[in-house]
Amino acid sequence: MSKEKKPTLLSIRQRTRISTEQLAKEAGVSLTEAYVVEIGGFTRKEVAVRVLAAFVKLSGLYYTLDDIRLHNVPSTGRSRQAMMNS
């Protein structure tokens, strides 16, 4: 059984009239952080949650992190430190 790829938030957002700038402003994150979430890049879960929540609020569409392509990185200082020491 083939597994269909999840869409990126970017591909979903492009079907709306919402800009990346609007999304970043509403989420309270930088434009770069919002774009990384949109393309499914590596980001902290907290940032992804804020950006997706902003998208849901602005678009009226309902999506969860499980619905979009995304790579999360550890968000705690201890995990980040462990990664740097390995």
PDB file of N, CA and C in Angstrom:
ATOM      1  N   MET A   1       0.843  -1.177   0.000  1.00  0.00           N
ATOM      2  CA  MET A   1       0.000   0.000   0.000  1.00  0.00           C
ATOM      3  C   MET A   1       0.892   1.245   0.000  1.00  0.00           C
ATOM      4  N   SER A   2       0.745   2.114  -0.960  1.00  0.00           N
ATOM      5  CA  SER A   2       1.584   3.306  -1.028  1.00  0.00           C
ATOM      6  C   SER A   2       1.042   4.388  -0.108  1.00  0.00           C
ATOM      7  N   LYS A   3       1.976   5.073   0.513  1.00  0.00           N
ATOM      8  CA  LYS A   3       1.606   6.126   1.441  1.00  0.00           C
ATOM      9  C   LYS A   3       1.697   7.465   0.727  1.00  0.00           C
ATOM     10  N   GLU A   4       0.590   8.185   0.687  1.00  0.00           N
ATOM     11  CA  GLU A   4       0.562   9.475   0.013  1.00  0.00           C
ATOM     12  C   GLU A   4       1.310  10.511   0.847  1.00  0.00           C
ATOM     13  N   LYS A   5       2.071  11.374   0.179  1.00  0.00           N
ATOM     14  CA  LYS A   5       2.814  12.413   0.878  1.00  0.00           C
ATOM     15  C   LYS A   5       1.843  13.452   1.434  1.00  0.00           C
ATOM     16  N   LYS A   6       2.171  13.925   2.614  1.00  0.00           N
ATOM     17  CA  LYS A   6       1.384  14.995   3.218  1.00  0.00           C
ATOM     18  C   LYS A   6       1.706  16.302   2.505  1.00  0.00           C
ATOM     19  N   PRO A   7       0.740  17.197   2.412  1.00  0.00           N
ATOM     20  CA  PRO A   7       1.014  18.494   1.780  1.00  0.00           C
ATOM     21  C   PRO A   7       1.807  19.390   2.729  1.00  0.00           C
ATOM     22  N   THR A   8       2.520  20.331   2.178  1.00  0.00           N
ATOM     23  CA  THR A   8       3.175  21.337   3.002  1.00  0.00           C
ATOM     24  C   THR A   8       2.143  22.412   3.339  1.00  0.00           C
ATOM     25  N   LEU A   9       2.412  23.143   4.399  1.00  0.00           N
ATOM     26  CA  LEU A   9       1.538  24.269   4.724  1.00  0.00           C
ATOM     27  C   LEU A   9       1.587  25.296   3.599  1.00  0.00           C
ATOM     28  N   LEU A  10       2.721  25.419   2.940  1.00  0.00           N
ATOM     29  CA  LEU A  10       2.847  26.351   1.820  1.00  0.00           C
ATOM     30  C   LEU A  10       1.847  26.010   0.718  1.00  0.00           C
ATOM     31  N   SER A  11       1.767  24.737   0.349  1.00  0.00           N
ATOM     32  CA  SER A  11       0.843  24.366  -0.735  1.00  0.00           C
ATOM     33  C   SER A  11      -0.612  24.597  -0.322  1.00  0.00           C
ATOM     34  N   ILE A  12      -0.902  24.432   0.951  1.00  0.00           N
ATOM     35  CA  ILE A  12      -2.257  24.694   1.441  1.00  0.00           C
ATOM     36  C   ILE A  12      -2.514  26.200   1.474  1.00  0.00           C
ATOM     37  N   ARG A  13      -1.551  26.963   2.014  1.00  0.00           N
ATOM     38  CA  ARG A  13      -1.716  28.413   2.133  1.00  0.00           C
ATOM     39  C   ARG A  13      -1.871  29.088   0.786  1.00  0.00           C
ATOM     40  N   GLN A  14      -1.184  28.574  -0.222  1.00  0.00           N
ATOM     41  CA  GLN A  14      -1.247  29.198  -1.549  1.00  0.00           C
ATOM     42  C   GLN A  14      -2.641  29.137  -2.164  1.00  0.00           C
ATOM     43  N   ARG A  15      -3.513  28.310  -1.619  1.00  0.00           N
ATOM     44  CA  ARG A  15      -4.893  28.244  -2.094  1.00  0.00           C
ATOM     45  C   ARG A  15      -5.778  29.285  -1.403  1.00  0.00           C
ATOM     46  N   THR A  16      -5.170  30.060  -0.515  1.00  0.00           N
ATOM     47  CA  THR A  16      -5.896  31.110   0.199  1.00  0.00           C
ATOM     48  C   THR A  16      -5.314  32.464  -0.194  1.00  0.00           C
ATOM     49  N   ARG A  17      -5.861  33.514   0.371  1.00  0.00           N
ATOM     50  CA  ARG A  17      -5.330  34.855   0.113  1.00  0.00           C
ATOM     51  C   ARG A  17      -4.408  35.324   1.235  1.00  0.00           C
ATOM     52  N   ILE A  18      -3.940  34.395   2.026  1.00  0.00           N
ATOM     53  CA  ILE A  18      -3.068  34.717   3.158  1.00  0.00           C
ATOM     54  C   ILE A  18      -1.617  34.727   2.693  1.00  0.00           C
ATOM     55  N   SER A  19      -0.876  35.752   3.099  1.00  0.00           N
ATOM     56  CA  SER A  19       0.544  35.819   2.745  1.00  0.00           C
ATOM     57  C   SER A  19       1.390  35.255   3.883  1.00  0.00           C
ATOM     58  N   THR A  20       2.621  34.925   3.562  1.00  0.00           N
ATOM     59  CA  THR A  20       3.549  34.460   4.584  1.00  0.00           C
ATOM     60  C   THR A  20       3.775  35.553   5.618  1.00  0.00           C
ATOM     61  N   GLU A  21       3.802  36.800   5.174  1.00  0.00           N
ATOM     62  CA  GLU A  21       3.987  37.923   6.085  1.00  0.00           C
ATOM     63  C   GLU A  21       2.833  38.006   7.089  1.00  0.00           C
ATOM     64  N   GLN A  22       1.601  37.850   6.610  1.00  0.00           N
ATOM     65  CA  GLN A  22       0.441  37.872   7.501  1.00  0.00           C
ATOM     66  C   GLN A  22       0.521  36.728   8.509  1.00  0.00           C
ATOM     67  N   LEU A  23       0.909  35.582   8.019  1.00  0.00           N
ATOM     68  CA  LEU A  23       1.021  34.395   8.859  1.00  0.00           C
ATOM     69  C   LEU A  23       2.064  34.610   9.961  1.00  0.00           C
ATOM     70  N   ALA A  24       3.222  35.132   9.596  1.00  0.00           N
ATOM     71  CA  ALA A  24       4.286  35.382  10.570  1.00  0.00           C
ATOM     72  C   ALA A  24       3.842  36.402  11.611  1.00  0.00           C
ATOM     73  N   LYS A  25       3.211  37.465  11.161  1.00  0.00           N
ATOM     74  CA  LYS A  25       2.758  38.513  12.079  1.00  0.00           C
ATOM     75  C   LYS A  25       1.736  37.960  13.066  1.00  0.00           C
ATOM     76  N   GLU A  26       0.756  37.227  12.568  1.00  0.00           N
ATOM     77  CA  GLU A  26      -0.283  36.657  13.433  1.00  0.00           C
ATOM     78  C   GLU A  26       0.305  35.645  14.413  1.00  0.00           C
ATOM     79  N   ALA A  27       1.299  34.891  13.979  1.00  0.00           N
ATOM     80  CA  ALA A  27       1.925  33.871  14.830  1.00  0.00           C
ATOM     81  C   ALA A  27       2.931  34.465  15.810  1.00  0.00           C
ATOM     82  N   GLY A  28       3.377  35.687  15.542  1.00  0.00           N
ATOM     83  CA  GLY A  28       4.381  36.302  16.403  1.00  0.00           C
ATOM     84  C   GLY A  28       5.755  35.692  16.228  1.00  0.00           C
ATOM     85  N   VAL A  29       6.046  35.272  14.993  1.00  0.00           N
ATOM     86  CA  VAL A  29       7.356  34.693  14.676  1.00  0.00           C
ATOM     87  C   VAL A  29       7.964  35.458  13.515  1.00  0.00           C
ATOM     88  N   SER A  30       9.227  35.207  13.251  1.00  0.00           N
ATOM     89  CA  SER A  30       9.881  35.883  12.132  1.00  0.00           C
ATOM     90  C   SER A  30       9.368  35.322  10.804  1.00  0.00           C
ATOM     91  N   LEU A  31       9.571  36.078   9.772  1.00  0.00           N
ATOM     92  CA  LEU A  31       9.186  35.648   8.431  1.00  0.00           C
ATOM     93  C   LEU A  31       9.914  34.353   8.064  1.00  0.00           C
ATOM     94  N   THR A  32      11.173  34.269   8.431  1.00  0.00           N
ATOM     95  CA  THR A  32      11.962  33.064   8.154  1.00  0.00           C
ATOM     96  C   THR A  32      11.384  31.852   8.863  1.00  0.00           C
ATOM     97  N   GLU A  33      11.033  32.013  10.140  1.00  0.00           N
ATOM     98  CA  GLU A  33      10.466  30.894  10.895  1.00  0.00           C
ATOM     99  C   GLU A  33       9.151  30.429  10.265  1.00  0.00           C
ATOM    100  N   ALA A  34       8.308  31.372   9.884  1.00  0.00           N
ATOM    101  CA  ALA A  34       7.028  31.013   9.255  1.00  0.00           C
ATOM    102  C   ALA A  34       7.271  30.264   7.952  1.00  0.00           C
ATOM    103  N   TYR A  35       8.234  30.732   7.146  1.00  0.00           N
ATOM    104  CA  TYR A  35       8.510  30.085   5.866  1.00  0.00           C
ATOM    105  C   TYR A  35       9.064  28.675   6.050  1.00  0.00           C
ATOM    106  N   VAL A  36       9.917  28.494   7.042  1.00  0.00           N
ATOM    107  CA  VAL A  36      10.471  27.156   7.303  1.00  0.00           C
ATOM    108  C   VAL A  36       9.340  26.188   7.636  1.00  0.00           C
ATOM    109  N   VAL A  37       8.383  26.634   8.436  1.00  0.00           N
ATOM    110  CA  VAL A  37       7.227  25.781   8.739  1.00  0.00           C
ATOM    111  C   VAL A  37       6.445  25.504   7.459  1.00  0.00           C
ATOM    112  N   GLU A  38       6.229  26.533   6.649  1.00  0.00           N
ATOM    113  CA  GLU A  38       5.470  26.365   5.406  1.00  0.00           C
ATOM    114  C   GLU A  38       6.071  25.323   4.476  1.00  0.00           C
ATOM    115  N   ILE A  39       7.387  25.289   4.375  1.00  0.00           N
ATOM    116  CA  ILE A  39       8.014  24.349   3.431  1.00  0.00           C
ATOM    117  C   ILE A  39       8.267  22.975   4.040  1.00  0.00           C
ATOM    118  N   GLY A  40       7.882  22.819   5.308  1.00  0.00           N
ATOM    119  CA  GLY A  40       8.063  21.519   5.951  1.00  0.00           C
ATOM    120  C   GLY A  40       9.469  21.288   6.434  1.00  0.00           C
ATOM    121  N   GLY A  41      10.170  22.372   6.716  1.00  0.00           N
ATOM    122  CA  GLY A  41      11.555  22.268   7.149  1.00  0.00           C
ATOM    123  C   GLY A  41      11.704  21.885   8.606  1.00  0.00           C
ATOM    124  N   PHE A  42      12.935  21.929   9.069  1.00  0.00           N
ATOM    125  CA  PHE A  42      13.248  21.579  10.450  1.00  0.00           C
ATOM    126  C   PHE A  42      12.967  22.784  11.342  1.00  0.00           C
ATOM    127  N   THR A  43      12.092  22.604  12.316  1.00  0.00           N
ATOM    128  CA  THR A  43      11.723  23.687  13.214  1.00  0.00           C
ATOM    129  C   THR A  43      11.310  23.135  14.567  1.00  0.00           C
ATOM    130  N   ARG A  44      11.297  23.996  15.551  1.00  0.00           N
ATOM    131  CA  ARG A  44      10.817  23.592  16.874  1.00  0.00           C
ATOM    132  C   ARG A  44       9.296  23.434  16.831  1.00  0.00           C
ATOM    133  N   LYS A  45       8.808  22.496  17.600  1.00  0.00           N
ATOM    134  CA  LYS A  45       7.378  22.229  17.625  1.00  0.00           C
ATOM    135  C   LYS A  45       6.592  23.469  18.051  1.00  0.00           C
ATOM    136  N   GLU A  46       7.118  24.225  19.004  1.00  0.00           N
ATOM    137  CA  GLU A  46       6.412  25.422  19.477  1.00  0.00           C
ATOM    138  C   GLU A  46       6.188  26.417  18.345  1.00  0.00           C
ATOM    139  N   VAL A  47       7.181  26.573  17.489  1.00  0.00           N
ATOM    140  CA  VAL A  47       7.059  27.491  16.355  1.00  0.00           C
ATOM    141  C   VAL A  47       6.018  26.957  15.375  1.00  0.00           C
ATOM    142  N   ALA A  48       6.085  25.669  15.086  1.00  0.00           N
ATOM    143  CA  ALA A  48       5.126  25.066  14.157  1.00  0.00           C
ATOM    144  C   ALA A  48       3.697  25.213  14.669  1.00  0.00           C
ATOM    145  N   VAL A  49       3.503  25.012  15.958  1.00  0.00           N
ATOM    146  CA  VAL A  49       2.166  25.137  16.547  1.00  0.00           C
ATOM    147  C   VAL A  49       1.659  26.569  16.399  1.00  0.00           C
ATOM    148  N   ARG A  50       2.508  27.539  16.662  1.00  0.00           N
ATOM    149  CA  ARG A  50       2.099  28.949  16.557  1.00  0.00           C
ATOM    150  C   ARG A  50       1.735  29.316  15.122  1.00  0.00           C
ATOM    151  N   VAL A  51       2.551  28.875  14.176  1.00  0.00           N
ATOM    152  CA  VAL A  51       2.292  29.203  12.772  1.00  0.00           C
ATOM    153  C   VAL A  51       1.020  28.516  12.283  1.00  0.00           C
ATOM    154  N   LEU A  52       0.857  27.258  12.621  1.00  0.00           N
ATOM    155  CA  LEU A  52      -0.346  26.545  12.184  1.00  0.00           C
ATOM    156  C   LEU A  52      -1.599  27.130  12.840  1.00  0.00           C
ATOM    157  N   ALA A  53      -1.518  27.492  14.113  1.00  0.00           N
ATOM    158  CA  ALA A  53      -2.659  28.112  14.790  1.00  0.00           C
ATOM    159  C   ALA A  53      -3.026  29.433  14.117  1.00  0.00           C
ATOM    160  N   ALA A  54      -2.020  30.196  13.725  1.00  0.00           N
ATOM    161  CA  ALA A  54      -2.269  31.461  13.020  1.00  0.00           C
ATOM    162  C   ALA A  54      -2.956  31.199  11.682  1.00  0.00           C
ATOM    163  N   PHE A  55      -2.493  30.161  10.974  1.00  0.00           N
ATOM    164  CA  PHE A  55      -3.111  29.830   9.694  1.00  0.00           C
ATOM    165  C   PHE A  55      -4.578  29.441   9.878  1.00  0.00           C
ATOM    166  N   VAL A  56      -4.853  28.613  10.866  1.00  0.00           N
ATOM    167  CA  VAL A  56      -6.227  28.181  11.140  1.00  0.00           C
ATOM    168  C   VAL A  56      -7.101  29.400  11.456  1.00  0.00           C
ATOM    169  N   LYS A  57      -6.578  30.306  12.271  1.00  0.00           N
ATOM    170  CA  LYS A  57      -7.334  31.510  12.640  1.00  0.00           C
ATOM    171  C   LYS A  57      -7.613  32.392  11.429  1.00  0.00           C
ATOM    172  N   LEU A  58      -6.600  32.609  10.608  1.00  0.00           N
ATOM    173  CA  LEU A  58      -6.750  33.496   9.453  1.00  0.00           C
ATOM    174  C   LEU A  58      -7.585  32.889   8.329  1.00  0.00           C
ATOM    175  N   SER A  59      -7.480  31.583   8.160  1.00  0.00           N
ATOM    176  CA  SER A  59      -8.147  30.941   7.009  1.00  0.00           C
ATOM    177  C   SER A  59      -9.519  30.372   7.327  1.00  0.00           C
ATOM    178  N   GLY A  60      -9.737  30.036   8.590  1.00  0.00           N
ATOM    179  CA  GLY A  60     -10.985  29.366   8.946  1.00  0.00           C
ATOM    180  C   GLY A  60     -10.975  27.888   8.578  1.00  0.00           C
ATOM    181  N   LEU A  61      -9.830  27.404   8.089  1.00  0.00           N
ATOM    182  CA  LEU A  61      -9.671  25.991   7.745  1.00  0.00           C
ATOM    183  C   LEU A  61      -9.039  25.282   8.934  1.00  0.00           C
ATOM    184  N   TYR A  62      -9.349  24.017   9.113  1.00  0.00           N
ATOM    185  CA  TYR A  62      -8.816  23.295  10.263  1.00  0.00           C
ATOM    186  C   TYR A  62      -7.769  22.277   9.832  1.00  0.00           C
ATOM    187  N   TYR A  63      -6.554  22.452  10.349  1.00  0.00           N
ATOM    188  CA  TYR A  63      -5.459  21.517  10.119  1.00  0.00           C
ATOM    189  C   TYR A  63      -4.728  21.297  11.434  1.00  0.00           C
ATOM    190  N   THR A  64      -4.140  20.125  11.581  1.00  0.00           N
ATOM    191  CA  THR A  64      -3.282  19.833  12.731  1.00  0.00           C
ATOM    192  C   THR A  64      -1.876  19.569  12.218  1.00  0.00           C
ATOM    193  N   LEU A  65      -0.918  19.476  13.127  1.00  0.00           N
ATOM    194  CA  LEU A  65       0.454  19.175  12.720  1.00  0.00           C
ATOM    195  C   LEU A  65       0.544  17.824  12.032  1.00  0.00           C
ATOM    196  N   ASP A  66      -0.357  16.914  12.369  1.00  0.00           N
ATOM    197  CA  ASP A  66      -0.363  15.595  11.726  1.00  0.00           C
ATOM    198  C   ASP A  66      -0.811  15.655  10.270  1.00  0.00           C
ATOM    199  N   ASP A  67      -1.451  16.753   9.879  1.00  0.00           N
ATOM    200  CA  ASP A  67      -1.975  16.887   8.521  1.00  0.00           C
ATOM    201  C   ASP A  67      -0.973  17.455   7.524  1.00  0.00           C
ATOM    202  N   ILE A  68       0.124  18.035   8.022  1.00  0.00           N
ATOM    203  CA  ILE A  68       1.074  18.693   7.126  1.00  0.00           C
ATOM    204  C   ILE A  68       2.456  18.055   7.228  1.00  0.00           C
ATOM    205  N   ARG A  69       3.232  18.237   6.169  1.00  0.00           N
ATOM    206  CA  ARG A  69       4.616  17.749   6.150  1.00  0.00           C
ATOM    207  C   ARG A  69       5.460  18.705   6.989  1.00  0.00           C
ATOM    208  N   LEU A  70       6.193  18.146   7.954  1.00  0.00           N
ATOM    209  CA  LEU A  70       6.977  18.973   8.855  1.00  0.00           C
ATOM    210  C   LEU A  70       8.025  18.130   9.555  1.00  0.00           C
ATOM    211  N   HIS A  71       9.183  18.711   9.793  1.00  0.00           N
ATOM    212  CA  HIS A  71      10.250  18.059  10.549  1.00  0.00           C
ATOM    213  C   HIS A  71      10.457  18.852  11.829  1.00  0.00           C
ATOM    214  N   ASN A  72      10.210  18.228  12.958  1.00  0.00           N
ATOM    215  CA  ASN A  72      10.412  18.894  14.241  1.00  0.00           C
ATOM    216  C   ASN A  72      11.797  18.578  14.775  1.00  0.00           C
ATOM    217  N   VAL A  73      12.364  19.557  15.450  1.00  0.00           N
ATOM    218  CA  VAL A  73      13.626  19.339  16.152  1.00  0.00           C
ATOM    219  C   VAL A  73      13.348  19.473  17.641  1.00  0.00           C
ATOM    220  N   PRO A  74      14.197  18.891  18.478  1.00  0.00           N
ATOM    221  CA  PRO A  74      13.984  19.007  19.920  1.00  0.00           C
ATOM    222  C   PRO A  74      13.899  20.465  20.351  1.00  0.00           C
ATOM    223  N   SER A  75      13.028  20.741  21.315  1.00  0.00           N
ATOM    224  CA  SER A  75      12.818  22.128  21.708  1.00  0.00           C
ATOM    225  C   SER A  75      13.377  22.468  23.067  1.00  0.00           C
ATOM    226  N   THR A  76      13.868  21.504  23.796  1.00  0.00           N
ATOM    227  CA  THR A  76      14.418  21.806  25.116  1.00  0.00           C
ATOM    228  C   THR A  76      15.905  22.054  25.019  1.00  0.00           C
ATOM    229  N   GLY A  77      16.405  22.906  25.883  1.00  0.00           N
ATOM    230  CA  GLY A  77      17.827  23.206  25.902  1.00  0.00           C
ATOM    231  C   GLY A  77      18.659  21.973  26.150  1.00  0.00           C
ATOM    232  N   ARG A  78      18.181  21.081  27.011  1.00  0.00           N
ATOM    233  CA  ARG A  78      18.930  19.869  27.336  1.00  0.00           C
ATOM    234  C   ARG A  78      19.062  18.979  26.100  1.00  0.00           C
ATOM    235  N   SER A  79      18.004  18.826  25.334  1.00  0.00           N
ATOM    236  CA  SER A  79      18.066  18.000  24.117  1.00  0.00           C
ATOM    237  C   SER A  79      18.994  18.632  23.094  1.00  0.00           C
ATOM    238  N   ARG A  80      18.913  19.943  22.960  1.00  0.00           N
ATOM    239  CA  ARG A  80      19.778  20.633  22.006  1.00  0.00           C
ATOM    240  C   ARG A  80      21.237  20.464  22.418  1.00  0.00           C
ATOM    241  N   GLN A  81      21.505  20.603  23.721  1.00  0.00           N
ATOM    242  CA  GLN A  81      22.863  20.432  24.214  1.00  0.00           C
ATOM    243  C   GLN A  81      23.349  19.014  23.962  1.00  0.00           C
ATOM    244  N   ALA A  82      22.490  18.040  24.171  1.00  0.00           N
ATOM    245  CA  ALA A  82      22.858  16.635  23.934  1.00  0.00           C
ATOM    246  C   ALA A  82      23.207  16.417  22.466  1.00  0.00           C
ATOM    247  N   MET A  83      22.458  17.061  21.574  1.00  0.00           N
ATOM    248  CA  MET A  83      22.728  16.926  20.145  1.00  0.00           C
ATOM    249  C   MET A  83      24.088  17.542  19.798  1.00  0.00           C
ATOM    250  N   MET A  84      24.407  18.670  20.440  1.00  0.00           N
ATOM    251  CA  MET A  84      25.655  19.349  20.146  1.00  0.00           C
ATOM    252  C   MET A  84      26.850  18.568  20.665  1.00  0.00           C
ATOM    253  N   ASN A  85      26.664  17.815  21.747  1.00  0.00           N
ATOM    254  CA  ASN A  85      27.767  17.057  22.329  1.00  0.00           C
ATOM    255  C   ASN A  85      27.984  15.703  21.680  1.00  0.00           C
ATOM    256  N   SER A  86      27.066  15.277  20.828  1.00  0.00           N
ATOM    257  CA  SER A  86      27.220  13.952  20.212  1.00  0.00           C
ATOM    258  C   SER A  86      27.973  14.014  18.921  1.00  0.00           C
TER     259      SER A  86
END
